[in-house]
Amino acid sequence: MTNTSRTERATPEDTSDVADSAHGEWSVDDPSVGEMQLDERTALRRVAGLSTELEDVTEVEYRQLRLERVVLVGVWTGGTAEQADASLAELAALAETAGSEVLDGLIQRRDKPDAATYIGSGKAEELRQIVLATGADTVICDGELTPAQLTALEKVVKVKVIDRTALILDIFAQHATSREGKAQVSLAQMEYMLPRLRGWGESMSRQAGGRAGSNGGVGLRGPGETKIETDRRRIRERMAKLRREIKGMKAARDTKRTRRLRNRIPSVAIVGYTNAGKSSLLNALTGSGVLVQNALFATLDPTTRRAALPDGRELVFTDTVGFVRHLPTQLVEAFRSTLEEVADADLLLHVVDGSDPMPTEQIKAVREVVTEVLRESDAPPPPELIVVNKIDAADPVTLTQLRGLLTDAVFISARTGEGIDELRTRLAEILEDPDVEVKVLVPYTRGDLIARIHSDGQILDSAHEADGTRVHARVPMALASALGEYAA
């Protein structure tokens, strides 16, 4: 498997939380924040030749992955051969984004991954010979390995082994820029590494035992806690601290979101597969300068920008973190506070990469993550508008198939501007009347809904009855959906 060259583009970035595109002015001669971020990323190059001997990884909180020359390995358990190849090609793109050079890729057909070494002892020996022949120093597996599989495979191939989850976490760690983004990534990494702590020899503290009893005796007195147990306790303490910090940051973002709701400004969340062109679309719609890069997970921190519809009404766009197949559950949990922007949106703008060989698989993966986020928040799903991007680079046959499959989708090119005006018109139609008039009888057990009607809507009439509160009000579309079962 060979590397594919990647072009990179950058545009100026407005660093304010909500910026009016009409007032954004940048000098051509001055480097923008986006350009400086892009320069910083391209300058991040790993030094070749670093040792990859297995180390004591009990000090895991200080350990960073060093990915250089890698061999990929995947297990094909179901689906078509094309899907298996696409999954390994995506793993190669992830490895390149992390700064690695992909030397080779292997796929093994099995009913399920081997419980011991993921690919079986015979294939593991074959993988060892490929590692020796190519000079690779890291093996990346296209799946999440158990701690036992990770240890067993490393013993056979004699180089560092990581899985897809660790690779994605490494990319997130490189690209996180805000304080909240860094905290979320750190929390996800600790949750992943906690059950994978290991220790050998001198890394284990002495413990009292035998006739020494609680007193220990000569040469046996110690802290009564192994070093690996100490590491686990310290990591749990840091995880608890990070959760408290993220909770505090969430409160600040909730305040800004409540202010937008109070001002009756419609909110549009831009979701989609990683590298589908979400940030490019945000720039095209708002005229802002959010960092754009042809790489996976270029955007980790949610960016909110204000724009105007053709009829002059204002709305707010929020660019969210991209999704990927088999997105680690640790990341979904850590980024849940950020992904809540999806649950509170009036509309989901689902961006699909039209140039991808299997765009329908992207749609499926994104919807799975969105469904999981909405399930946790108990919020009704916002309406969805699919936007097929990159039509200038897409295969005409694939586009024809998509037009027949996605009849309500809008086809655009954020790079050339084709279809952007049509998208603005569709947004104006969908968000034409953000408020809906409802007449409901809300039971007294659902005081939370009454509170939302007071905060987000306009009460025209209300009365207290034996079965609940009868309300006649104008409320946002999302709230009207939640009140649907209480219509009176």
Protein backbone atom coordinates (compact mmCIF):
# COMPACT_ATOMS: atom_id res chain seq x y z
CA MET A 1 0.00 0.00 0.00
CA THR A 2 1.47 3.31 -0.94
CA ASN A 3 1.00 6.81 0.38
CA THR A 4 -1.17 9.26 -1.45
CA SER A 5 -0.11 12.86 -1.68
CA ARG A 6 -2.35 15.34 0.09
CA THR A 7 -2.89 18.96 -0.78
CA GLU A 8 -3.53 21.45 2.02
CA ARG A 9 -5.46 24.68 1.96
CA ALA A 10 -5.91 27.30 4.62
CA THR A 11 -8.06 30.38 4.98
CA PRO A 12 -8.19 33.13 7.60
CA GLU A 13 -9.97 32.26 10.82
CA ASP A 14 -12.22 34.44 12.91
CA THR A 15 -11.57 33.41 16.50
CA SER A 16 -14.70 34.95 18.03
CA ASP A 17 -17.45 32.64 19.25
CA VAL A 18 -20.11 34.20 17.06
CA ALA A 19 -18.94 36.52 14.34
CA ASP A 20 -20.88 38.42 11.69
CA SER A 21 -19.28 37.63 8.36
CA ALA A 22 -20.12 41.08 7.06
CA HIS A 23 -17.67 42.66 9.53
CA GLY A 24 -14.77 40.24 9.01
CA GLU A 25 -11.81 41.92 7.33
CA TRP A 26 -8.30 40.55 6.98
CA SER A 27 -5.17 41.96 5.44
CA VAL A 28 -3.70 39.93 2.59
CA ASP A 29 -0.19 40.50 3.94
CA ASP A 30 -0.89 39.36 7.52
CA PRO A 31 -0.88 35.64 8.33
CA SER A 32 -4.26 34.55 9.66
CA VAL A 33 -4.83 32.35 12.68
CA GLY A 34 -5.90 29.52 10.36
CA GLU A 35 -2.72 29.82 8.31
CA MET A 36 -0.58 29.82 11.44
CA GLN A 37 -2.37 26.72 12.71
CA LEU A 38 -1.82 25.02 9.36
CA ASP A 39 1.88 25.96 9.38
CA GLU A 40 2.20 24.55 12.87
CA ARG A 41 0.60 21.27 11.82
CA THR A 42 2.70 20.85 8.70
CA ALA A 43 5.80 21.57 10.76
CA LEU A 44 4.96 18.64 13.04
CA ARG A 45 7.15 15.85 11.68
CA ARG A 46 8.32 12.83 13.57
CA VAL A 47 12.06 12.14 13.62
CA ALA A 48 12.93 8.91 11.83
CA GLY A 49 15.03 6.29 13.56
CA LEU A 50 13.76 6.63 17.11
CA SER A 51 13.93 3.46 19.14
CA THR A 52 10.77 1.40 19.29
CA GLU A 53 11.92 -1.16 21.82
CA LEU A 54 9.13 -2.18 24.14
CA GLU A 55 9.20 -0.05 27.25
CA ASP A 56 7.64 -0.08 30.68
CA VAL A 57 4.39 1.69 29.86
CA THR A 58 3.15 2.02 33.41
CA GLU A 59 3.93 5.75 33.25
CA VAL A 60 1.27 5.88 30.60
CA GLU A 61 0.10 9.40 31.35
CA TYR A 62 3.46 10.71 30.16
CA ARG A 63 3.77 8.38 27.19
CA GLN A 64 3.04 9.55 23.64
CA LEU A 65 2.70 7.40 20.54
CA ARG A 66 5.59 7.61 18.11
CA LEU A 67 4.33 6.56 14.71
CA GLU A 68 6.86 6.44 11.90
CA ARG A 69 7.03 3.51 9.46
CA VAL A 70 3.97 1.34 9.86
CA VAL A 71 2.38 -1.86 8.58
CA LEU A 72 -1.41 -2.10 8.63
CA VAL A 73 -3.34 -5.27 9.39
CA GLY A 74 -7.08 -5.86 9.31
CA VAL A 75 -9.49 -8.72 9.89
CA TRP A 76 -12.30 -9.08 7.36
CA THR A 77 -15.21 -10.61 9.26
CA GLY A 78 -18.16 -9.51 7.12
CA GLY A 79 -19.30 -7.37 4.22
CA THR A 80 -17.83 -7.24 0.76
CA ALA A 81 -14.18 -7.25 -0.24
CA GLU A 82 -14.61 -3.65 -1.41
CA GLN A 83 -15.76 -2.61 2.06
CA ALA A 84 -12.81 -4.40 3.68
CA ASP A 85 -10.36 -2.67 1.31
CA ALA A 86 -12.03 0.72 1.95
CA SER A 87 -11.72 0.22 5.70
CA LEU A 88 -7.98 -0.49 5.41
CA ALA A 89 -7.55 2.47 3.02
CA GLU A 90 -9.21 4.68 5.62
CA LEU A 91 -6.84 3.30 8.26
CA ALA A 92 -3.95 4.27 5.96
CA ALA A 93 -5.34 7.81 5.70
CA LEU A 94 -5.61 7.97 9.49
CA ALA A 95 -2.01 6.81 9.84
CA GLU A 96 -0.83 9.44 7.36
CA THR A 97 -2.75 12.13 9.25
CA ALA A 98 -0.93 11.05 12.41
CA GLY A 99 2.40 11.56 10.62
CA SER A 100 3.25 7.99 9.62
CA GLU A 101 4.58 6.38 6.46
CA VAL A 102 2.50 3.37 5.43
CA LEU A 103 4.70 0.56 4.08
CA ASP A 104 2.27 -2.32 3.63
CA GLY A 105 -1.22 -3.51 4.44
CA LEU A 106 -2.63 -6.97 5.10
CA ILE A 107 -6.18 -8.28 5.40
CA GLN A 108 -7.09 -11.67 6.82
CA ARG A 109 -10.46 -13.34 6.21
CA ARG A 110 -11.82 -14.78 9.46
CA ASP A 111 -15.21 -15.39 11.05
CA LYS A 112 -14.09 -13.33 14.05
CA PRO A 113 -10.78 -11.91 15.34
CA ASP A 114 -8.53 -14.40 17.09
CA ALA A 115 -8.98 -14.12 20.87
CA ALA A 116 -5.24 -14.46 21.50
CA THR A 117 -3.39 -12.47 18.82
CA TYR A 118 -6.22 -10.85 16.80
CA ILE A 119 -5.01 -12.43 13.53
CA GLY A 120 -3.96 -15.91 14.71
CA SER A 121 -0.51 -17.29 15.52
CA GLY A 122 0.36 -18.23 11.93
CA LYS A 123 -0.51 -14.84 10.51
CA ALA A 124 1.26 -13.17 13.41
CA GLU A 125 4.51 -14.95 12.44
CA GLU A 126 3.94 -13.93 8.81
CA LEU A 127 3.39 -10.36 9.99
CA ARG A 128 6.70 -10.54 11.87
CA GLN A 129 8.53 -11.44 8.65
CA ILE A 130 6.88 -8.51 6.80
CA VAL A 131 7.92 -6.17 9.61
CA LEU A 132 11.52 -7.37 9.28
CA ALA A 133 11.47 -7.11 5.48
CA THR A 134 10.03 -3.58 5.37
CA GLY A 135 11.89 -2.18 8.37
CA ALA A 136 8.63 -1.11 10.04
CA ASP A 137 8.65 -0.08 13.66
CA THR A 138 4.89 -0.05 14.35
CA VAL A 139 1.93 -2.29 13.52
CA ILE A 140 -1.54 -0.75 13.41
CA CYS A 141 -4.57 -3.03 13.66
CA ASP A 142 -7.89 -2.06 12.09
CA GLY A 143 -9.98 -2.68 15.19
CA GLU A 144 -9.91 -2.30 18.96
CA LEU A 145 -7.61 -4.85 20.59
CA THR A 146 -8.08 -6.18 24.09
CA PRO A 147 -5.15 -5.71 26.49
CA ALA A 148 -4.32 -9.43 26.15
CA GLN A 149 -4.36 -9.31 22.32
CA LEU A 150 -2.13 -6.23 22.37
CA THR A 151 0.45 -7.87 24.63
CA ALA A 152 0.43 -11.20 22.77
CA LEU A 153 0.83 -9.64 19.33
CA GLU A 154 3.67 -7.39 20.52
CA LYS A 155 5.54 -10.43 21.82
CA VAL A 156 5.36 -12.06 18.37
CA VAL A 157 6.11 -9.12 16.08
CA LYS A 158 8.68 -7.55 18.46
CA VAL A 159 7.63 -3.97 17.62
CA LYS A 160 5.05 -1.60 19.00
CA VAL A 161 1.43 -2.54 18.25
CA ILE A 162 -1.46 -0.12 18.48
CA ASP A 163 -5.07 -0.36 17.38
CA ARG A 164 -7.45 1.90 15.48
CA THR A 165 -8.75 3.49 18.69
CA ALA A 166 -5.28 4.50 19.89
CA LEU A 167 -4.50 5.91 16.44
CA ILE A 168 -7.60 8.11 16.39
CA LEU A 169 -6.89 9.27 19.94
CA ASP A 170 -3.36 10.23 18.86
CA ILE A 171 -4.72 12.32 15.98
CA PHE A 172 -7.17 14.05 18.30
CA ALA A 173 -4.33 14.81 20.73
CA GLN A 174 -2.31 16.43 17.93
CA HIS A 175 -5.18 18.57 16.62
CA ALA A 176 -6.87 19.72 19.82
CA THR A 177 -6.27 23.44 20.33
CA SER A 178 -8.79 24.77 22.84
CA ARG A 179 -8.63 24.10 26.57
CA GLU A 180 -11.85 22.10 26.44
CA GLY A 181 -10.73 20.08 23.42
CA LYS A 182 -7.45 19.14 25.11
CA ALA A 183 -9.28 18.15 28.29
CA GLN A 184 -11.73 15.99 26.36
CA VAL A 185 -8.95 14.21 24.46
CA SER A 186 -6.94 13.64 27.65
CA LEU A 187 -9.99 12.13 29.33
CA ALA A 188 -10.61 9.81 26.37
CA GLN A 189 -6.97 8.70 26.30
CA MET A 190 -6.97 7.89 30.01
CA GLU A 191 -10.20 5.91 29.74
CA TYR A 192 -8.65 3.90 26.91
CA MET A 193 -5.26 3.30 28.55
CA LEU A 194 -6.45 2.56 32.11
CA PRO A 195 -7.19 -1.16 31.51
CA ARG A 196 -4.05 -1.47 29.36
CA LEU A 197 -1.50 -0.58 32.04
CA ARG A 198 1.31 -3.11 32.35
CA GLY A 199 4.38 -3.52 34.52
CA TRP A 200 7.38 -5.78 34.75
CA GLY A 201 10.20 -6.46 37.21
CA GLU A 202 11.35 -3.38 39.06
CA SER A 203 8.17 -1.51 38.29
CA MET A 204 6.40 -3.59 40.94
CA SER A 205 6.63 -2.42 44.55
CA ARG A 206 7.25 -4.93 47.30
CA GLN A 207 4.35 -6.14 49.38
CA ALA A 208 4.33 -7.71 52.81
CA GLY A 209 3.31 -11.35 52.95
CA GLY A 210 3.84 -14.69 54.67
CA ARG A 211 4.82 -14.70 58.36
CA ALA A 212 5.78 -11.03 58.10
CA GLY A 213 2.08 -10.19 58.32
CA SER A 214 1.12 -6.57 58.52
CA ASN A 215 4.52 -5.61 59.95
CA GLY A 216 6.37 -6.64 56.79
CA GLY A 217 9.66 -7.80 58.25
CA VAL A 218 13.20 -7.25 57.02
CA GLY A 219 13.30 -6.38 53.31
CA LEU A 220 9.57 -6.77 52.92
CA ARG A 221 8.22 -3.52 54.29
CA GLY A 222 6.67 -1.45 51.49
CA PRO A 223 3.76 0.77 50.62
CA GLY A 224 1.47 -2.24 50.30
CA GLU A 225 0.53 -1.06 46.84
CA THR A 226 2.14 -2.04 43.56
CA LYS A 227 3.36 0.68 41.25
CA ILE A 228 0.74 -0.28 38.66
CA GLU A 229 -1.96 0.19 41.31
CA THR A 230 -0.49 3.59 42.13
CA ASP A 231 -0.59 4.53 38.45
CA ARG A 232 -4.22 3.46 38.17
CA ARG A 233 -5.20 5.48 41.23
CA ARG A 234 -3.41 8.58 39.94
CA ILE A 235 -5.08 8.24 36.53
CA ARG A 236 -8.52 7.88 38.10
CA GLU A 237 -7.89 11.01 40.15
CA ARG A 238 -6.88 12.95 37.04
CA MET A 239 -9.92 11.64 35.16
CA ALA A 240 -12.22 12.86 37.94
CA LYS A 241 -10.55 16.28 37.83
CA LEU A 242 -10.93 16.49 34.04
CA ARG A 243 -14.61 15.56 34.25
CA ARG A 244 -15.16 18.42 36.70
CA GLU A 245 -13.32 20.85 34.42
CA ILE A 246 -15.30 19.77 31.33
CA LYS A 247 -18.54 20.13 33.27
CA GLY A 248 -17.59 23.71 34.15
CA MET A 249 -16.76 24.52 30.51
CA LYS A 250 -20.08 23.05 29.44
CA ALA A 251 -21.91 25.51 31.69
CA ALA A 252 -20.28 28.46 29.89
CA ARG A 253 -21.29 27.10 26.49
CA ASP A 254 -24.82 26.41 27.72
CA THR A 255 -25.10 30.08 28.70
CA LYS A 256 -24.18 31.19 25.17
CA ARG A 257 -26.58 28.66 23.65
CA THR A 258 -29.42 29.87 25.92
CA ARG A 259 -28.74 33.46 24.84
CA ARG A 260 -29.10 32.46 21.19
CA LEU A 261 -32.35 30.62 21.92
CA ARG A 262 -33.70 33.63 23.79
CA ASN A 263 -32.90 35.83 20.80
CA ARG A 264 -34.87 33.39 18.58
CA ILE A 265 -31.92 32.82 16.24
CA PRO A 266 -32.26 29.48 14.40
CA SER A 267 -29.33 27.13 14.93
CA VAL A 268 -27.93 24.82 12.24
CA ALA A 269 -25.43 22.09 13.21
CA ILE A 270 -23.09 20.96 10.43
CA VAL A 271 -22.40 17.24 10.92
CA GLY A 272 -20.77 14.65 8.72
CA TYR A 273 -17.94 12.24 8.14
CA THR A 274 -14.42 13.48 8.75
CA ASN A 275 -12.92 15.32 5.75
CA ALA A 276 -16.33 15.63 4.07
CA GLY A 277 -15.85 19.40 3.76
CA LYS A 278 -17.81 20.73 6.76
CA SER A 279 -15.41 23.59 7.50
CA SER A 280 -15.22 24.52 3.81
CA LEU A 281 -19.02 24.66 3.70
CA LEU A 282 -19.08 26.84 6.83
CA ASN A 283 -16.66 29.25 5.15
CA ALA A 284 -18.73 29.29 1.95
CA LEU A 285 -21.96 30.02 3.83
CA THR A 286 -20.66 32.61 6.29
CA GLY A 287 -17.56 34.09 4.63
CA SER A 288 -15.50 33.26 7.73
CA GLY A 289 -11.98 31.88 7.72
CA VAL A 290 -12.16 28.63 9.65
CA LEU A 291 -9.13 26.37 9.21
CA VAL A 292 -9.57 24.09 6.20
CA GLN A 293 -7.22 21.17 5.63
CA ASN A 294 -7.41 18.08 3.44
CA ALA A 295 -6.86 15.76 6.38
CA LEU A 296 -8.90 13.66 8.75
CA PHE A 297 -10.11 15.32 11.95
CA ALA A 298 -8.79 18.78 11.06
CA THR A 299 -11.62 20.27 13.16
CA LEU A 300 -12.01 19.18 16.77
CA ASP A 301 -13.28 22.33 18.47
CA PRO A 302 -16.85 23.40 17.61
CA THR A 303 -16.89 26.69 15.73
CA THR A 304 -20.00 28.90 15.65
CA ARG A 305 -20.56 31.59 13.02
CA ARG A 306 -23.48 33.88 12.25
CA ALA A 307 -24.87 34.33 8.72
CA ALA A 308 -27.93 35.76 6.97
CA LEU A 309 -30.49 34.03 4.77
CA PRO A 310 -31.53 35.55 1.41
CA ASP A 311 -34.55 37.17 3.11
CA GLY A 312 -32.33 38.86 5.69
CA ARG A 313 -33.09 36.60 8.65
CA GLU A 314 -30.10 35.61 10.75
CA LEU A 315 -29.11 32.09 11.71
CA VAL A 316 -26.16 30.45 13.42
CA PHE A 317 -24.02 27.64 11.97
CA THR A 318 -21.98 25.34 14.22
CA ASP A 319 -19.17 23.25 12.71
CA THR A 320 -18.80 20.04 14.75
CA VAL A 321 -16.14 17.36 15.01
CA GLY A 322 -16.20 14.85 12.18
CA PHE A 323 -17.27 11.26 12.64
CA VAL A 324 -15.69 8.07 11.38
CA ARG A 325 -16.57 4.39 11.19
CA HIS A 326 -16.13 2.70 14.57
CA LEU A 327 -15.56 6.01 16.34
CA PRO A 328 -14.10 5.09 19.76
CA THR A 329 -16.73 5.09 22.48
CA GLN A 330 -14.28 6.94 24.72
CA LEU A 331 -14.32 9.87 22.30
CA VAL A 332 -18.11 9.90 22.04
CA GLU A 333 -18.32 10.05 25.83
CA ALA A 334 -15.59 12.67 26.22
CA PHE A 335 -16.98 14.90 23.45
CA ARG A 336 -20.59 14.47 24.56
CA SER A 337 -20.80 18.02 25.94
CA THR A 338 -19.59 19.35 22.57
CA LEU A 339 -21.90 17.10 20.57
CA GLU A 340 -24.89 18.44 22.50
CA GLU A 341 -24.88 21.24 19.93
CA VAL A 342 -26.39 18.60 17.64
CA ALA A 343 -29.27 17.86 20.02
CA ASP A 344 -30.17 21.55 20.45
CA ALA A 345 -30.01 22.45 16.75
CA ASP A 346 -33.10 23.42 14.75
CA LEU A 347 -31.63 21.65 11.70
CA LEU A 348 -28.86 19.15 10.98
CA LEU A 349 -26.86 19.91 7.86
CA HIS A 350 -25.48 16.45 7.08
CA VAL A 351 -22.47 16.87 4.76
CA VAL A 352 -21.51 13.86 2.62
CA ASP A 353 -18.33 13.49 0.57
CA GLY A 354 -19.60 12.86 -2.96
CA SER A 355 -16.11 11.86 -4.14
CA ASP A 356 -15.86 9.00 -1.63
CA PRO A 357 -16.17 5.49 -3.14
CA MET A 358 -18.89 4.53 -0.63
CA PRO A 359 -20.78 7.65 0.48
CA THR A 360 -23.75 5.66 1.78
CA GLU A 361 -21.47 4.00 4.33
CA GLN A 362 -20.48 7.47 5.53
CA ILE A 363 -24.13 8.42 5.97
CA LYS A 364 -24.78 5.27 7.99
CA ALA A 365 -21.78 5.84 10.29
CA VAL A 366 -22.73 9.47 10.98
CA ARG A 367 -26.35 8.64 11.72
CA GLU A 368 -25.28 5.95 14.20
CA VAL A 369 -23.25 8.47 16.24
CA VAL A 370 -25.98 11.15 16.03
CA THR A 371 -28.60 8.63 17.19
CA GLU A 372 -26.43 7.69 20.16
CA VAL A 373 -25.95 11.34 21.16
CA LEU A 374 -29.67 12.08 20.86
CA ARG A 375 -30.57 8.95 22.84
CA GLU A 376 -28.47 10.11 25.78
CA SER A 377 -29.93 13.64 25.72
CA ASP A 378 -33.58 12.49 25.49
CA ALA A 379 -34.06 15.12 22.79
CA PRO A 380 -36.22 14.60 19.68
CA PRO A 381 -34.13 14.36 16.50
CA PRO A 382 -33.91 17.66 14.61
CA PRO A 383 -34.86 17.64 10.91
CA GLU A 384 -31.99 16.61 8.61
CA LEU A 385 -30.90 18.06 5.27
CA ILE A 386 -28.29 16.02 3.40
CA VAL A 387 -25.72 18.06 1.46
CA VAL A 388 -23.55 16.14 -1.01
CA ASN A 389 -20.27 18.05 -1.25
CA LYS A 390 -17.25 17.83 -3.60
CA ILE A 391 -19.37 17.26 -6.73
CA ASP A 392 -16.54 18.86 -8.74
CA ALA A 393 -14.31 15.89 -7.82
CA ALA A 394 -16.95 13.14 -7.73
CA ASP A 395 -17.41 10.36 -10.24
CA PRO A 396 -20.40 11.19 -12.53
CA VAL A 397 -21.79 7.67 -12.20
CA THR A 398 -21.68 7.87 -8.39
CA LEU A 399 -23.38 11.27 -8.48
CA THR A 400 -26.16 9.94 -10.69
CA GLN A 401 -26.74 7.08 -8.26
CA LEU A 402 -26.80 9.48 -5.31
CA ARG A 403 -29.29 11.79 -7.01
CA GLY A 404 -31.62 8.83 -7.45
CA LEU A 405 -31.08 7.59 -3.89
CA LEU A 406 -31.11 10.96 -2.05
CA THR A 407 -33.97 12.77 -3.77
CA ASP A 408 -34.19 15.60 -1.19
CA ALA A 409 -30.44 16.23 -0.97
CA VAL A 410 -28.67 19.37 -2.19
CA PHE A 411 -25.57 18.83 -4.37
CA ILE A 412 -22.83 21.42 -3.96
CA SER A 413 -19.14 22.15 -4.22
CA ALA A 414 -17.92 24.26 -1.32
CA ARG A 415 -14.64 24.82 -3.18
CA THR A 416 -16.12 26.22 -6.42
CA GLY A 417 -19.34 27.62 -4.94
CA GLU A 418 -21.61 25.54 -7.16
CA GLY A 419 -24.99 24.88 -5.51
CA ILE A 420 -24.39 27.23 -2.54
CA ASP A 421 -27.20 29.60 -3.59
CA GLU A 422 -29.59 26.67 -3.93
CA LEU A 423 -28.59 25.51 -0.44
CA ARG A 424 -29.30 28.96 1.02
CA THR A 425 -32.75 28.89 -0.60
CA ARG A 426 -33.48 25.45 0.87
CA LEU A 427 -32.40 26.64 4.30
CA ALA A 428 -34.74 29.61 4.05
CA GLU A 429 -37.62 27.26 3.16
CA ILE A 430 -36.93 24.80 5.96
CA LEU A 431 -36.42 27.53 8.57
CA GLU A 432 -39.24 29.68 7.21
CA ASP A 433 -41.28 29.63 10.41
CA PRO A 434 -39.17 28.61 13.42
CA ASP A 435 -42.17 28.85 15.76
CA VAL A 436 -45.14 26.50 15.83
CA GLU A 437 -48.46 27.14 17.56
CA VAL A 438 -49.41 24.29 19.89
CA LYS A 439 -52.27 23.45 22.25
CA VAL A 440 -51.22 20.84 24.77
CA LEU A 441 -52.20 19.34 28.09
CA VAL A 442 -48.95 18.72 29.95
CA PRO A 443 -49.13 16.41 33.02
CA TYR A 444 -47.81 17.80 36.26
CA THR A 445 -45.05 15.20 36.21
CA ARG A 446 -43.49 16.94 33.18
CA GLY A 447 -42.59 20.24 34.77
CA ASP A 448 -39.45 20.25 32.64
CA LEU A 449 -41.54 20.74 29.49
CA ILE A 450 -43.47 23.61 31.08
CA ALA A 451 -40.14 25.22 31.98
CA ARG A 452 -38.94 24.87 28.38
CA ILE A 453 -42.14 26.45 27.08
CA HIS A 454 -41.57 29.43 29.40
CA SER A 455 -37.89 29.80 28.45
CA ASP A 456 -37.99 28.99 24.72
CA GLY A 457 -41.55 29.83 23.67
CA GLN A 458 -44.31 32.38 24.02
CA ILE A 459 -47.34 31.39 26.14
CA LEU A 460 -50.61 32.72 24.71
CA ASP A 461 -52.90 31.15 27.31
CA SER A 462 -52.62 28.64 30.16
CA ALA A 463 -54.84 27.03 32.78
CA HIS A 464 -54.35 24.47 35.55
CA GLU A 465 -56.67 21.47 35.36
CA ALA A 466 -57.02 18.21 37.23
CA ASP A 467 -54.90 16.23 34.75
CA GLY A 468 -52.24 18.84 34.13
CA THR A 469 -51.51 22.29 32.71
CA ARG A 470 -53.36 23.25 29.54
CA VAL A 471 -51.13 25.53 27.45
CA HIS A 472 -51.66 27.44 24.23
CA ALA A 473 -48.26 28.70 23.05
CA ARG A 474 -45.88 29.34 20.19
CA VAL A 475 -42.73 27.25 20.51
CA PRO A 476 -39.72 26.26 18.35
CA MET A 477 -40.11 23.30 16.01
CA ALA A 478 -37.91 21.01 18.12
CA LEU A 479 -39.95 21.72 21.26
CA ALA A 480 -43.20 21.22 19.33
CA SER A 481 -42.01 17.71 18.43
CA ALA A 482 -41.34 16.93 22.10
CA LEU A 483 -44.85 18.18 23.01
CA GLY A 484 -46.55 16.17 20.25
CA GLU A 485 -47.73 13.34 22.52
CA TYR A 486 -49.56 15.83 24.78
CA ALA A 487 -51.56 17.56 22.04
CA ALA A 488 -55.04 18.52 23.23
